[in-house]
């Protein structure tokens, strides 16, 4: 279960305190998905970073399957995040010099004990096949379309079988057809792997596909 309990986030600046999140709370079980909408600059991305153990809250607590990542030592926190959370951003952030297959494999370079290299290769191939890129594995990002690059990014986020999948405007840079294709991939992998899926989006079309929809505004998260 992913639990956000009274999450508050602010930044202290020379001109005073800047509030971003105020008492944000929700629970998400395995297999559940939630969309978060809201105006630009309202703190949606910040909330994802807090949920994904990238940025600590000013107050409140995040727990993922009973673990508060911010209570861990820095190295343990990084290991926990790598094994437990997958990220998909608006910009695919693929390494341009690596093939699609090698980009999907990249997170496994810092993986701890568990799967062997051969097992990760097999999983990466299966993921790329699952997102419709069986014939594009050897291609570099520059040789792929925008939708294809984002599907590689989704496969990369899933390579270590994370419990939580966090997506920040995953279709924001895509045309309607490519966006629908990426959304289809996200929902299929989410259903197959029973992830806890949180998607931040400006797209009303994408948000409408979620049973749970919330809006972040005035620093508060409310049902949409």
Protein backbone atom coordinates (compact mmCIF):
# COMPACT_ATOMS: atom_id res chain seq x y z
CA UNK A 1 0.00 0.00 0.00
CA UNK A 2 1.12 3.55 -0.78
CA UNK A 3 0.12 5.95 1.98
CA UNK A 4 0.50 9.71 1.96
CA UNK A 5 -0.29 10.96 5.46
CA UNK A 6 -0.72 14.72 5.92
CA UNK A 7 2.05 15.57 3.47
CA UNK A 8 3.11 19.19 3.67
CA UNK A 9 5.83 20.75 1.56
CA UNK A 10 7.19 24.27 1.59
CA UNK A 11 10.35 26.06 0.56
CA UNK A 12 12.03 28.73 2.63
CA UNK A 13 13.40 31.58 0.51
CA UNK A 14 14.94 34.96 1.32
CA UNK A 15 11.52 36.45 0.64
CA UNK A 16 9.72 34.09 2.98
CA UNK A 17 8.11 30.67 3.02
CA UNK A 18 6.57 29.36 -0.19
CA UNK A 19 3.86 26.76 0.43
CA UNK A 20 3.45 23.98 -2.13
CA UNK A 21 1.51 21.12 -0.49
CA UNK A 22 -0.75 21.29 2.54
CA UNK A 23 -1.95 18.18 4.41
CA UNK A 24 -2.16 15.92 1.36
CA UNK A 25 -3.45 12.48 2.31
CA UNK A 26 -4.54 9.39 0.38
CA UNK A 27 -4.09 5.62 0.26
CA UNK A 28 -3.51 3.44 -2.78
CA UNK A 29 -3.64 -0.36 -2.71
CA UNK A 30 -1.88 -2.77 -5.05
CA UNK A 31 -3.59 -2.73 -8.42
CA UNK A 32 -5.15 0.70 -7.90
CA UNK A 33 -4.53 3.74 -10.09
CA UNK A 34 -5.09 7.45 -9.59
CA UNK A 35 -4.86 10.51 -11.82
CA UNK A 36 -3.89 13.91 -10.43
CA UNK A 37 -4.80 17.05 -12.35
CA UNK A 38 -4.37 20.72 -11.60
CA UNK A 39 -3.00 23.97 -13.00
CA UNK A 40 0.64 24.39 -13.93
CA UNK A 41 2.84 25.20 -10.96
CA UNK A 42 0.41 23.88 -8.36
CA UNK A 43 2.83 21.25 -7.01
CA UNK A 44 1.84 18.11 -8.89
CA UNK A 45 5.40 17.19 -9.80
CA UNK A 46 6.61 18.02 -6.30
CA UNK A 47 4.03 15.60 -4.90
CA UNK A 48 5.33 12.85 -7.20
CA UNK A 49 8.89 13.51 -6.08
CA UNK A 50 7.83 13.26 -2.43
CA UNK A 51 5.92 10.02 -3.10
CA UNK A 52 8.88 8.58 -4.99
CA UNK A 53 11.48 9.24 -2.27
CA UNK A 54 13.22 11.92 -4.32
CA UNK A 55 12.36 14.90 -2.13
CA UNK A 56 11.45 14.74 1.57
CA UNK A 57 8.25 16.36 2.82
CA UNK A 58 8.46 19.29 5.20
CA UNK A 59 5.95 17.46 7.38
CA UNK A 60 3.88 14.30 7.19
CA UNK A 61 4.86 10.79 6.18
CA UNK A 62 5.04 8.58 3.11
CA UNK A 63 5.02 4.81 3.45
CA UNK A 64 5.31 2.20 0.70
CA UNK A 65 4.36 -1.31 1.75
CA UNK A 66 5.01 -0.32 5.37
CA UNK A 67 8.37 1.39 4.82
CA UNK A 68 8.98 5.10 5.22
CA UNK A 69 11.85 5.72 2.77
CA UNK A 70 12.79 8.98 4.47
CA UNK A 71 13.55 7.08 7.67
CA UNK A 72 16.28 5.13 5.87
CA UNK A 73 19.94 6.02 5.56
CA UNK A 74 20.81 7.72 2.28
CA UNK A 75 22.26 4.63 0.60
CA UNK A 76 19.41 2.43 1.81
CA UNK A 77 16.91 5.00 0.61
CA UNK A 78 18.46 4.99 -2.87
CA UNK A 79 18.36 1.18 -2.99
CA UNK A 80 14.77 1.13 -1.79
CA UNK A 81 13.74 3.72 -4.37
CA UNK A 82 15.46 1.87 -7.21
CA UNK A 83 13.80 -1.42 -6.32
CA UNK A 84 10.36 -0.11 -5.39
CA UNK A 85 9.54 2.94 -7.52
CA UNK A 86 9.43 3.37 -11.29
CA UNK A 87 9.34 6.83 -12.87
CA UNK A 88 8.10 8.00 -16.27
CA UNK A 89 8.60 11.68 -17.10
CA UNK A 90 7.26 13.94 -19.84
CA UNK A 91 10.71 13.92 -21.44
CA UNK A 92 11.68 10.28 -21.96
CA UNK A 93 15.25 10.90 -20.66
CA UNK A 94 16.68 8.06 -22.73
CA UNK A 95 20.45 7.89 -23.17
CA UNK A 96 21.01 8.80 -26.84
CA UNK A 97 24.04 6.55 -27.32
CA UNK A 98 22.26 3.41 -26.11
CA UNK A 99 19.83 1.18 -27.98
CA UNK A 100 16.26 0.78 -26.81
CA UNK A 101 17.19 -2.53 -25.18
CA UNK A 102 20.20 -1.07 -23.39
CA UNK A 103 18.15 1.90 -22.18
CA UNK A 104 15.63 -0.47 -20.63
CA UNK A 105 18.48 -2.38 -19.04
CA UNK A 106 20.17 0.74 -17.61
CA UNK A 107 18.48 0.68 -14.16
CA UNK A 108 19.72 -2.86 -13.59
CA UNK A 109 23.34 -1.71 -13.59
CA UNK A 110 22.89 -0.57 -9.98
CA UNK A 111 20.55 -3.38 -8.98
CA UNK A 112 21.45 -5.46 -5.98
CA UNK A 113 21.40 -9.21 -5.73
CA UNK A 114 18.45 -10.93 -7.32
CA UNK A 115 18.13 -11.51 -11.03
CA UNK A 116 21.14 -12.39 -13.14
CA UNK A 117 22.19 -10.26 -16.12
CA UNK A 118 20.71 -12.85 -18.46
CA UNK A 119 17.39 -12.73 -16.61
CA UNK A 120 17.28 -8.94 -16.89
CA UNK A 121 18.00 -9.15 -20.62
CA UNK A 122 15.15 -11.61 -20.99
CA UNK A 123 12.83 -9.35 -18.99
CA UNK A 124 13.86 -6.25 -20.98
CA UNK A 125 13.14 -8.04 -24.24
CA UNK A 126 9.76 -9.19 -22.94
CA UNK A 127 8.88 -5.66 -21.83
CA UNK A 128 9.81 -4.15 -25.18
CA UNK A 129 7.78 -6.83 -26.94
CA UNK A 130 4.92 -6.01 -24.59
CA UNK A 131 4.98 -2.33 -25.53
CA UNK A 132 5.01 -3.15 -29.23
CA UNK A 133 8.71 -2.60 -29.96
CA UNK A 134 9.90 -6.13 -30.68
CA UNK A 135 11.44 -4.98 -33.96
CA UNK A 136 12.98 -1.77 -32.55
CA UNK A 137 15.16 -3.09 -29.73
CA UNK A 138 18.46 -2.30 -31.46
CA UNK A 139 17.41 1.20 -32.52
CA UNK A 140 18.84 4.33 -30.90
CA UNK A 141 16.42 6.89 -29.44
CA UNK A 142 17.08 9.23 -32.39
CA UNK A 143 15.77 6.52 -34.70
CA UNK A 144 12.46 6.21 -32.82
CA UNK A 145 9.31 8.31 -32.91
CA UNK A 146 8.21 10.29 -29.86
CA UNK A 147 5.63 7.68 -28.94
CA UNK A 148 8.14 4.87 -29.36
CA UNK A 149 10.67 6.66 -27.15
CA UNK A 150 8.08 7.08 -24.43
CA UNK A 151 7.14 3.41 -24.63
CA UNK A 152 10.80 2.57 -24.12
CA UNK A 153 10.73 4.84 -21.05
CA UNK A 154 7.71 2.95 -19.70
CA UNK A 155 9.47 -0.38 -20.22
CA UNK A 156 12.56 0.99 -18.47
CA UNK A 157 10.45 2.08 -15.50
CA UNK A 158 9.10 -1.47 -15.19
CA UNK A 159 12.38 -3.40 -15.54
CA UNK A 160 12.79 -3.97 -11.79
CA UNK A 161 9.11 -4.76 -11.28
CA UNK A 162 8.38 -1.74 -9.03
CA UNK A 163 5.49 -1.69 -6.59
CA UNK A 164 4.81 1.97 -7.42
CA UNK A 165 4.76 3.57 -10.88
CA UNK A 166 4.80 7.38 -10.91
CA UNK A 167 4.21 9.21 -14.19
CA UNK A 168 4.68 12.95 -14.68
CA UNK A 169 2.83 14.09 -17.83
CA UNK A 170 3.71 10.85 -19.65
CA UNK A 171 1.77 11.88 -22.78
CA UNK A 172 2.40 15.62 -22.60
CA UNK A 173 4.77 15.78 -25.58
CA UNK A 174 2.83 13.41 -27.83
CA UNK A 175 0.13 13.76 -30.46
CA UNK A 176 -3.26 12.18 -29.77
CA UNK A 177 -2.56 8.86 -31.48
CA UNK A 178 0.83 8.40 -29.80
CA UNK A 179 -0.60 9.52 -26.45
CA UNK A 180 -3.38 6.95 -26.67
CA UNK A 181 -0.82 4.25 -27.47
CA UNK A 182 1.36 5.13 -24.49
CA UNK A 183 -1.70 5.27 -22.22
CA UNK A 184 -2.78 1.82 -23.43
CA UNK A 185 0.68 0.46 -22.59
CA UNK A 186 0.62 2.04 -19.12
CA UNK A 187 -2.75 0.59 -18.24
CA UNK A 188 -1.91 -2.85 -19.60
CA UNK A 189 1.35 -3.12 -17.65
CA UNK A 190 -0.33 -1.71 -14.55
CA UNK A 191 -3.06 -4.35 -14.76
CA UNK A 192 -0.60 -7.17 -15.42
CA UNK A 193 1.88 -6.25 -12.68
CA UNK A 194 -0.63 -4.93 -10.11
CA UNK A 195 1.35 -1.75 -9.55
CA UNK A 196 0.17 1.25 -7.60
CA UNK A 197 -0.07 3.81 -10.42
CA UNK A 198 -0.13 7.58 -9.95
CA UNK A 199 -0.25 9.77 -13.06
CA UNK A 200 0.01 13.55 -13.10
CA UNK A 201 -1.54 14.98 -16.25
CA UNK A 202 -3.07 18.02 -17.91
CA UNK A 203 -4.88 15.73 -20.35
CA UNK A 204 -8.59 15.43 -19.64
CA UNK A 205 -8.69 12.47 -22.02
CA UNK A 206 -6.06 10.56 -20.06
CA UNK A 207 -7.51 11.51 -16.65
CA UNK A 208 -10.96 10.30 -17.73
CA UNK A 209 -9.60 6.75 -18.05
CA UNK A 210 -9.00 6.57 -14.29
CA UNK A 211 -11.61 5.50 -11.76
CA UNK A 212 -9.90 7.64 -9.13
CA UNK A 213 -9.29 11.25 -10.07
CA UNK A 214 -8.03 14.02 -7.80
CA UNK A 215 -7.25 17.68 -8.37
CA UNK A 216 -4.42 19.57 -6.71
CA UNK A 217 -5.22 23.24 -6.19
CA UNK A 218 -4.50 25.80 -3.49
CA UNK A 219 -1.97 23.30 -2.06
CA UNK A 220 -4.70 20.74 -1.28
CA UNK A 221 -5.61 17.45 -2.98
CA UNK A 222 -9.33 16.90 -3.48
CA UNK A 223 -11.47 14.36 -5.38
CA UNK A 224 -12.14 15.66 -8.88
